[in-house]
Amino acid sequence: MSFVQMRTVPGLFVGRRTLILANVSEEKPGSTAFHCGACDSPIHNAMDKSELRDVVVKCGCGEINQL
Protein backbone atom coordinates (compact mmCIF):
# COMPACT_ATOMS: atom_id res chain seq x y z
CA MET A 1 0.00 0.00 0.00
CA SER A 2 1.38 3.41 -0.93
CA PHE A 3 0.53 6.63 0.86
CA VAL A 4 -0.02 9.84 -1.10
CA GLN A 5 0.25 13.25 0.52
CA MET A 6 -2.99 15.22 0.06
CA ARG A 7 -4.14 18.79 0.65
CA THR A 8 -7.74 19.93 0.88
CA VAL A 9 -8.62 23.34 -0.58
CA PRO A 10 -11.93 25.17 -1.11
CA GLY A 11 -13.69 24.08 -4.30
CA LEU A 12 -14.68 26.55 -6.99
CA PHE A 13 -18.42 25.92 -6.72
CA VAL A 14 -19.63 23.72 -3.87
CA GLY A 15 -17.72 22.02 -1.08
CA ARG A 16 -14.04 21.23 -0.95
CA ARG A 17 -11.70 19.33 -3.23
CA THR A 18 -8.83 17.06 -2.24
CA LEU A 19 -5.65 17.56 -4.26
CA ILE A 20 -2.95 15.00 -4.90
CA LEU A 21 0.61 16.26 -5.24
CA ALA A 22 2.01 15.46 -8.69
CA ASN A 23 5.20 13.40 -8.92
CA VAL A 24 8.21 15.28 -10.31
CA SER A 25 10.87 13.69 -12.51
CA GLU A 26 13.65 15.38 -14.45
CA GLU A 27 13.93 13.62 -17.80
CA LYS A 28 16.19 16.21 -19.44
CA PRO A 29 18.54 18.72 -17.83
CA GLY A 30 16.64 21.98 -17.35
CA SER A 31 13.24 20.41 -18.03
CA THR A 32 10.85 19.04 -15.43
CA ALA A 33 8.12 16.48 -16.09
CA PHE A 34 5.10 16.08 -13.83
CA HIS A 35 3.21 12.78 -13.49
CA CYS A 36 -0.19 12.14 -11.89
CA GLY A 37 0.10 11.14 -8.23
CA ALA A 38 -2.62 8.51 -8.66
CA CYS A 39 -2.07 6.81 -12.05
CA ASP A 40 1.52 8.01 -12.83
CA SER A 41 0.62 9.20 -16.35
CA PRO A 42 2.45 12.32 -17.64
CA ILE A 43 0.38 15.48 -17.19
CA HIS A 44 2.75 18.41 -17.85
CA ASN A 45 6.31 19.34 -18.90
CA ALA A 46 7.88 22.61 -17.80
CA MET A 47 11.17 24.43 -18.22
CA ASP A 48 10.92 26.33 -14.91
CA LYS A 49 8.86 24.75 -12.15
CA SER A 50 8.94 27.90 -9.95
CA GLU A 51 6.26 29.42 -12.23
CA LEU A 52 3.98 26.44 -11.55
CA ARG A 53 3.98 26.68 -7.76
CA ASP A 54 0.18 27.09 -7.42
CA VAL A 55 -1.01 25.39 -10.62
CA VAL A 56 -3.65 22.64 -10.42
CA VAL A 57 -4.11 20.15 -13.30
CA LYS A 58 -6.90 17.59 -13.72
CA CYS A 59 -5.61 14.27 -15.05
CA GLY A 60 -7.49 12.07 -17.50
CA CYS A 61 -8.14 9.60 -14.66
CA GLY A 62 -10.20 12.28 -12.88
CA GLU A 63 -7.77 13.14 -10.07
CA ILE A 64 -6.80 16.78 -9.43
CA ASN A 65 -3.02 17.24 -9.10
CA GLN A 66 -1.12 20.20 -7.67
CA LEU A 67 2.19 20.80 -9.45
PDB file of N, CA and C in Angstrom:
ATOM      1  N   MET A   1       0.844  -1.169   0.000  1.00  0.00           N
ATOM      2  CA  MET A   1       0.000   0.000   0.000  1.00  0.00           C
ATOM      3  C   MET A   1       0.891   1.234   0.000  1.00  0.00           C
ATOM      4  N   SER A   2       0.596   2.182  -0.875  1.00  0.00           N
ATOM      5  CA  SER A   2       1.378   3.411  -0.928  1.00  0.00           C
ATOM      6  C   SER A   2       0.548   4.564  -0.387  1.00  0.00           C
ATOM      7  N   PHE A   3       1.201   5.466   0.297  1.00  0.00           N
ATOM      8  CA  PHE A   3       0.533   6.627   0.859  1.00  0.00           C
ATOM      9  C   PHE A   3       0.841   7.840   0.003  1.00  0.00           C
ATOM     10  N   VAL A   4      -0.164   8.656  -0.274  1.00  0.00           N
ATOM     11  CA  VAL A   4      -0.021   9.841  -1.100  1.00  0.00           C
ATOM     12  C   VAL A   4      -0.375  11.048  -0.253  1.00  0.00           C
ATOM     13  N   GLN A   5       0.514  12.040  -0.230  1.00  0.00           N
ATOM     14  CA  GLN A   5       0.250  13.252   0.524  1.00  0.00           C
ATOM     15  C   GLN A   5      -0.864  14.043  -0.154  1.00  0.00           C
ATOM     16  N   MET A   6      -1.854  14.496   0.626  1.00  0.00           N
ATOM     17  CA  MET A   6      -2.988  15.222   0.056  1.00  0.00           C
ATOM     18  C   MET A   6      -3.209  16.539   0.791  1.00  0.00           C
ATOM     19  N   ARG A   7      -3.742  17.504   0.068  1.00  0.00           N
ATOM     20  CA  ARG A   7      -4.143  18.786   0.647  1.00  0.00           C
ATOM     21  C   ARG A   7      -5.581  19.035   0.260  1.00  0.00           C
ATOM     22  N   THR A   8      -6.352  19.607   1.171  1.00  0.00           N
ATOM     23  CA  THR A   8      -7.740  19.934   0.875  1.00  0.00           C
ATOM     24  C   THR A   8      -7.858  21.445   0.757  1.00  0.00           C
ATOM     25  N   VAL A   9      -8.456  21.902  -0.324  1.00  0.00           N
ATOM     26  CA  VAL A   9      -8.623  23.336  -0.579  1.00  0.00           C
ATOM     27  C   VAL A   9     -10.086  23.608  -0.898  1.00  0.00           C
ATOM     28  N   PRO A  10     -10.536  24.860  -0.751  1.00  0.00           N
ATOM     29  CA  PRO A  10     -11.927  25.171  -1.108  1.00  0.00           C
ATOM     30  C   PRO A  10     -12.179  24.911  -2.588  1.00  0.00           C
ATOM     31  N   GLY A  11     -13.321  24.333  -2.911  1.00  0.00           N
ATOM     32  CA  GLY A  11     -13.694  24.083  -4.301  1.00  0.00           C
ATOM     33  C   GLY A  11     -14.189  25.355  -4.957  1.00  0.00           C
ATOM     34  N   LEU A  12     -14.246  25.360  -6.271  1.00  0.00           N
ATOM     35  CA  LEU A  12     -14.684  26.550  -6.989  1.00  0.00           C
ATOM     36  C   LEU A  12     -16.180  26.788  -6.841  1.00  0.00           C
ATOM     37  N   PHE A  13     -16.973  25.742  -6.740  1.00  0.00           N
ATOM     38  CA  PHE A  13     -18.420  25.916  -6.724  1.00  0.00           C
ATOM     39  C   PHE A  13     -19.027  25.493  -5.392  1.00  0.00           C
ATOM     40  N   VAL A  14     -19.002  24.217  -5.090  1.00  0.00           N
ATOM     41  CA  VAL A  14     -19.628  23.718  -3.866  1.00  0.00           C
ATOM     42  C   VAL A  14     -18.656  22.784  -3.162  1.00  0.00           C
ATOM     43  N   GLY A  15     -18.528  22.951  -1.862  1.00  0.00           N
ATOM     44  CA  GLY A  15     -17.723  22.023  -1.077  1.00  0.00           C
ATOM     45  C   GLY A  15     -16.234  22.238  -1.207  1.00  0.00           C
ATOM     46  N   ARG A  16     -15.500  21.177  -0.940  1.00  0.00           N
ATOM     47  CA  ARG A  16     -14.045  21.229  -0.955  1.00  0.00           C
ATOM     48  C   ARG A  16     -13.522  20.131  -1.864  1.00  0.00           C
ATOM     49  N   ARG A  17     -12.328  20.319  -2.361  1.00  0.00           N
ATOM     50  CA  ARG A  17     -11.701  19.326  -3.229  1.00  0.00           C
ATOM     51  C   ARG A  17     -10.400  18.861  -2.572  1.00  0.00           C
ATOM     52  N   THR A  18     -10.086  17.604  -2.748  1.00  0.00           N
ATOM     53  CA  THR A  18      -8.831  17.061  -2.242  1.00  0.00           C
ATOM     54  C   THR A  18      -7.849  16.957  -3.400  1.00  0.00           C
ATOM     55  N   LEU A  19      -6.673  17.556  -3.220  1.00  0.00           N
ATOM     56  CA  LEU A  19      -5.648  17.564  -4.258  1.00  0.00           C
ATOM     57  C   LEU A  19      -4.597  16.511  -3.962  1.00  0.00           C
ATOM     58  N   ILE A  20      -4.088  15.906  -5.007  1.00  0.00           N
ATOM     59  CA  ILE A  20      -2.952  14.996  -4.903  1.00  0.00           C
ATOM     60  C   ILE A  20      -1.735  15.741  -5.432  1.00  0.00           C
ATOM     61  N   LEU A  21      -0.607  15.619  -4.752  1.00  0.00           N
ATOM     62  CA  LEU A  21       0.615  16.256  -5.242  1.00  0.00           C
ATOM     63  C   LEU A  21       1.173  15.441  -6.398  1.00  0.00           C
ATOM     64  N   ALA A  22       1.469  16.121  -7.497  1.00  0.00           N
ATOM     65  CA  ALA A  22       2.013  15.457  -8.685  1.00  0.00           C
ATOM     66  C   ALA A  22       3.445  15.007  -8.420  1.00  0.00           C
ATOM     67  N   ASN A  23       3.831  13.898  -9.017  1.00  0.00           N
ATOM     68  CA  ASN A  23       5.205  13.400  -8.917  1.00  0.00           C
ATOM     69  C   ASN A  23       6.078  14.162  -9.903  1.00  0.00           C
ATOM     70  N   VAL A  24       7.283  14.519  -9.473  1.00  0.00           N
ATOM     71  CA  VAL A  24       8.210  15.283 -10.309  1.00  0.00           C
ATOM     72  C   VAL A  24       9.357  14.379 -10.736  1.00  0.00           C
ATOM     73  N   SER A  25       9.691  14.417 -12.025  1.00  0.00           N
ATOM     74  CA  SER A  25      10.865  13.693 -12.513  1.00  0.00           C
ATOM     75  C   SER A  25      11.554  14.549 -13.562  1.00  0.00           C
ATOM     76  N   GLU A  26      12.871  14.596 -13.492  1.00  0.00           N
ATOM     77  CA  GLU A  26      13.646  15.382 -14.450  1.00  0.00           C
ATOM     78  C   GLU A  26      14.157  14.439 -15.530  1.00  0.00           C
ATOM     79  N   GLU A  27      13.525  14.490 -16.694  1.00  0.00           N
ATOM     80  CA  GLU A  27      13.932  13.620 -17.796  1.00  0.00           C
ATOM     81  C   GLU A  27      15.104  14.212 -18.568  1.00  0.00           C
ATOM     82  N   LYS A  28      15.105  15.519 -18.739  1.00  0.00           N
ATOM     83  CA  LYS A  28      16.187  16.206 -19.442  1.00  0.00           C
ATOM     84  C   LYS A  28      16.738  17.291 -18.521  1.00  0.00           C
ATOM     85  N   PRO A  29      18.009  17.624 -18.633  1.00  0.00           N
ATOM     86  CA  PRO A  29      18.545  18.721 -17.830  1.00  0.00           C
ATOM     87  C   PRO A  29      17.826  20.031 -18.165  1.00  0.00           C
ATOM     88  N   GLY A  30      17.331  20.712 -17.149  1.00  0.00           N
ATOM     89  CA  GLY A  30      16.642  21.981 -17.351  1.00  0.00           C
ATOM     90  C   GLY A  30      15.159  21.851 -17.627  1.00  0.00           C
ATOM     91  N   SER A  31      14.661  20.638 -17.784  1.00  0.00           N
ATOM     92  CA  SER A  31      13.240  20.411 -18.034  1.00  0.00           C
ATOM     93  C   SER A  31      12.682  19.512 -16.941  1.00  0.00           C
ATOM     94  N   THR A  32      11.478  19.810 -16.486  1.00  0.00           N
ATOM     95  CA  THR A  32      10.845  19.041 -15.428  1.00  0.00           C
ATOM     96  C   THR A  32       9.549  18.440 -15.934  1.00  0.00           C
ATOM     97  N   ALA A  33       9.348  17.159 -15.694  1.00  0.00           N
ATOM     98  CA  ALA A  33       8.115  16.476 -16.093  1.00  0.00           C
ATOM     99  C   ALA A  33       7.298  16.169 -14.845  1.00  0.00           C
ATOM    100  N   PHE A  34       6.004  16.374 -14.931  1.00  0.00           N
ATOM    101  CA  PHE A  34       5.098  16.082 -13.831  1.00  0.00           C
ATOM    102  C   PHE A  34       4.219  14.901 -14.212  1.00  0.00           C
ATOM    103  N   HIS A  35       4.048  13.960 -13.283  1.00  0.00           N
ATOM    104  CA  HIS A  35       3.215  12.779 -13.486  1.00  0.00           C
ATOM    105  C   HIS A  35       2.114  12.771 -12.438  1.00  0.00           C
ATOM    106  N   CYS A  36       0.961  12.226 -12.797  1.00  0.00           N
ATOM    107  CA  CYS A  36      -0.186  12.141 -11.894  1.00  0.00           C
ATOM    108  C   CYS A  36       0.208  11.353 -10.646  1.00  0.00           C
ATOM    109  N   GLY A  37      -0.200  11.832  -9.482  1.00  0.00           N
ATOM    110  CA  GLY A  37       0.101  11.142  -8.233  1.00  0.00           C
ATOM    111  C   GLY A  37      -0.699   9.874  -8.043  1.00  0.00           C
ATOM    112  N   ALA A  38      -1.783   9.698  -8.805  1.00  0.00           N
ATOM    113  CA  ALA A  38      -2.623   8.506  -8.663  1.00  0.00           C
ATOM    114  C   ALA A  38      -2.288   7.441  -9.700  1.00  0.00           C
ATOM    115  N   CYS A  39      -2.252   7.814 -10.988  1.00  0.00           N
ATOM    116  CA  CYS A  39      -2.068   6.809 -12.049  1.00  0.00           C
ATOM    117  C   CYS A  39      -0.692   6.872 -12.703  1.00  0.00           C
ATOM    118  N   ASP A  40       0.141   7.856 -12.343  1.00  0.00           N
ATOM    119  CA  ASP A  40       1.516   8.012 -12.834  1.00  0.00           C
ATOM    120  C   ASP A  40       1.600   8.289 -14.333  1.00  0.00           C
ATOM    121  N   SER A  41       0.544   8.810 -14.937  1.00  0.00           N
ATOM    122  CA  SER A  41       0.617   9.195 -16.350  1.00  0.00           C
ATOM    123  C   SER A  41       1.153  10.624 -16.448  1.00  0.00           C
ATOM    124  N   PRO A  42       1.908  10.959 -17.504  1.00  0.00           N
ATOM    125  CA  PRO A  42       2.452  12.318 -17.639  1.00  0.00           C
ATOM    126  C   PRO A  42       1.335  13.338 -17.827  1.00  0.00           C
ATOM    127  N   ILE A  43       1.423  14.459 -17.074  1.00  0.00           N
ATOM    128  CA  ILE A  43       0.385  15.482 -17.186  1.00  0.00           C
ATOM    129  C   ILE A  43       0.922  16.835 -17.640  1.00  0.00           C
ATOM    130  N   HIS A  44       2.231  17.102 -17.445  1.00  0.00           N
ATOM    131  CA  HIS A  44       2.753  18.413 -17.848  1.00  0.00           C
ATOM    132  C   HIS A  44       4.276  18.375 -17.889  1.00  0.00           C
ATOM    133  N   ASN A  45       4.866  19.121 -18.827  1.00  0.00           N
ATOM    134  CA  ASN A  45       6.310  19.338 -18.898  1.00  0.00           C
ATOM    135  C   ASN A  45       6.560  20.827 -18.764  1.00  0.00           C
ATOM    136  N   ALA A  46       7.600  21.194 -18.020  1.00  0.00           N
ATOM    137  CA  ALA A  46       7.883  22.611 -17.803  1.00  0.00           C
ATOM    138  C   ALA A  46       9.383  22.854 -17.814  1.00  0.00           C
ATOM    139  N   MET A  47       9.763  24.049 -18.251  1.00  0.00           N
ATOM    140  CA  MET A  47      11.172  24.434 -18.221  1.00  0.00           C
ATOM    141  C   MET A  47      11.553  24.980 -16.845  1.00  0.00           C
ATOM    142  N   ASP A  48      10.650  25.730 -16.216  1.00  0.00           N
ATOM    143  CA  ASP A  48      10.921  26.332 -14.912  1.00  0.00           C
ATOM    144  C   ASP A  48       9.754  26.024 -13.989  1.00  0.00           C
ATOM    145  N   LYS A  49       9.978  25.156 -12.989  1.00  0.00           N
ATOM    146  CA  LYS A  49       8.864  24.751 -12.147  1.00  0.00           C
ATOM    147  C   LYS A  49       8.498  25.795 -11.095  1.00  0.00           C
ATOM    148  N   SER A  50       9.299  26.855 -10.916  1.00  0.00           N
ATOM    149  CA  SER A  50       8.940  27.897  -9.953  1.00  0.00           C
ATOM    150  C   SER A  50       7.710  28.680 -10.409  1.00  0.00           C
ATOM    151  N   GLU A  51       7.457  28.735 -11.730  1.00  0.00           N
ATOM    152  CA  GLU A  51       6.263  29.419 -12.232  1.00  0.00           C
ATOM    153  C   GLU A  51       4.998  28.623 -11.947  1.00  0.00           C
ATOM    154  N   LEU A  52       5.124  27.329 -11.710  1.00  0.00           N
ATOM    155  CA  LEU A  52       3.979  26.441 -11.552  1.00  0.00           C
ATOM    156  C   LEU A  52       3.696  26.100 -10.094  1.00  0.00           C
ATOM    157  N   ARG A  53       4.095  26.964  -9.191  1.00  0.00           N
ATOM    158  CA  ARG A  53       3.979  26.676  -7.765  1.00  0.00           C
ATOM    159  C   ARG A  53       2.538  26.452  -7.313  1.00  0.00           C
ATOM    160  N   ASP A  54       1.578  27.194  -7.849  1.00  0.00           N
ATOM    161  CA  ASP A  54       0.183  27.091  -7.421  1.00  0.00           C
ATOM    162  C   ASP A  54      -0.739  26.613  -8.532  1.00  0.00           C
ATOM    163  N   VAL A  55      -0.210  25.859  -9.486  1.00  0.00           N
ATOM    164  CA  VAL A  55      -1.009  25.388 -10.615  1.00  0.00           C
ATOM    165  C   VAL A  55      -1.642  24.043 -10.265  1.00  0.00           C
ATOM    166  N   VAL A  56      -2.916  23.885 -10.643  1.00  0.00           N
ATOM    167  CA  VAL A  56      -3.646  22.639 -10.421  1.00  0.00           C
ATOM    168  C   VAL A  56      -4.058  22.087 -11.779  1.00  0.00           C
ATOM    169  N   VAL A  57      -3.811  20.787 -12.019  1.00  0.00           N
ATOM    170  CA  VAL A  57      -4.113  20.146 -13.298  1.00  0.00           C
ATOM    171  C   VAL A  57      -4.984  18.924 -13.037  1.00  0.00           C
ATOM    172  N   LYS A  58      -6.052  18.778 -13.830  1.00  0.00           N
ATOM    173  CA  LYS A  58      -6.901  17.592 -13.723  1.00  0.00           C
ATOM    174  C   LYS A  58      -6.408  16.550 -14.720  1.00  0.00           C
ATOM    175  N   CYS A  59      -6.108  15.369 -14.220  1.00  0.00           N
ATOM    176  CA  CYS A  59      -5.613  14.270 -15.049  1.00  0.00           C
ATOM    177  C   CYS A  59      -6.779  13.601 -15.766  1.00  0.00           C
ATOM    178  N   GLY A  60      -6.467  12.815 -16.779  1.00  0.00           N
ATOM    179  CA  GLY A  60      -7.487  12.068 -17.503  1.00  0.00           C
ATOM    180  C   GLY A  60      -8.180  11.020 -16.642  1.00  0.00           C
ATOM    181  N   CYS A  61      -7.529  10.584 -15.551  1.00  0.00           N
ATOM    182  CA  CYS A  61      -8.145   9.595 -14.663  1.00  0.00           C
ATOM    183  C   CYS A  61      -9.157  10.231 -13.721  1.00  0.00           C
ATOM    184  N   GLY A  62      -9.225  11.581 -13.713  1.00  0.00           N
ATOM    185  CA  GLY A  62     -10.199  12.280 -12.878  1.00  0.00           C
ATOM    186  C   GLY A  62      -9.628  12.893 -11.619  1.00  0.00           C
ATOM    187  N   GLU A  63      -8.384  12.570 -11.262  1.00  0.00           N
ATOM    188  CA  GLU A  63      -7.775  13.140 -10.066  1.00  0.00           C
ATOM    189  C   GLU A  63      -7.268  14.550 -10.349  1.00  0.00           C
ATOM    190  N   ILE A  64      -7.270  15.399  -9.322  1.00  0.00           N
ATOM    191  CA  ILE A  64      -6.803  16.775  -9.435  1.00  0.00           C
ATOM    192  C   ILE A  64      -5.429  16.843  -8.779  1.00  0.00           C
ATOM    193  N   ASN A  65      -4.412  17.222  -9.552  1.00  0.00           N
ATOM    194  CA  ASN A  65      -3.021  17.245  -9.096  1.00  0.00           C
ATOM    195  C   ASN A  65      -2.530  18.666  -8.931  1.00  0.00           C
ATOM    196  N   GLN A  66      -1.800  18.923  -7.844  1.00  0.00           N
ATOM    197  CA  GLN A  66      -1.120  20.205  -7.672  1.00  0.00           C
ATOM    198  C   GLN A  66       0.327  20.021  -8.077  1.00  0.00           C
ATOM    199  N   LEU A  67       0.812  20.899  -8.967  1.00  0.00           N
ATOM    200  CA  LEU A  67       2.186  20.797  -9.450  1.00  0.00           C
ATOM    201  C   LEU A  67       3.139  21.387  -8.446  1.00  0.00           C
TER     202      LEU A  67
END
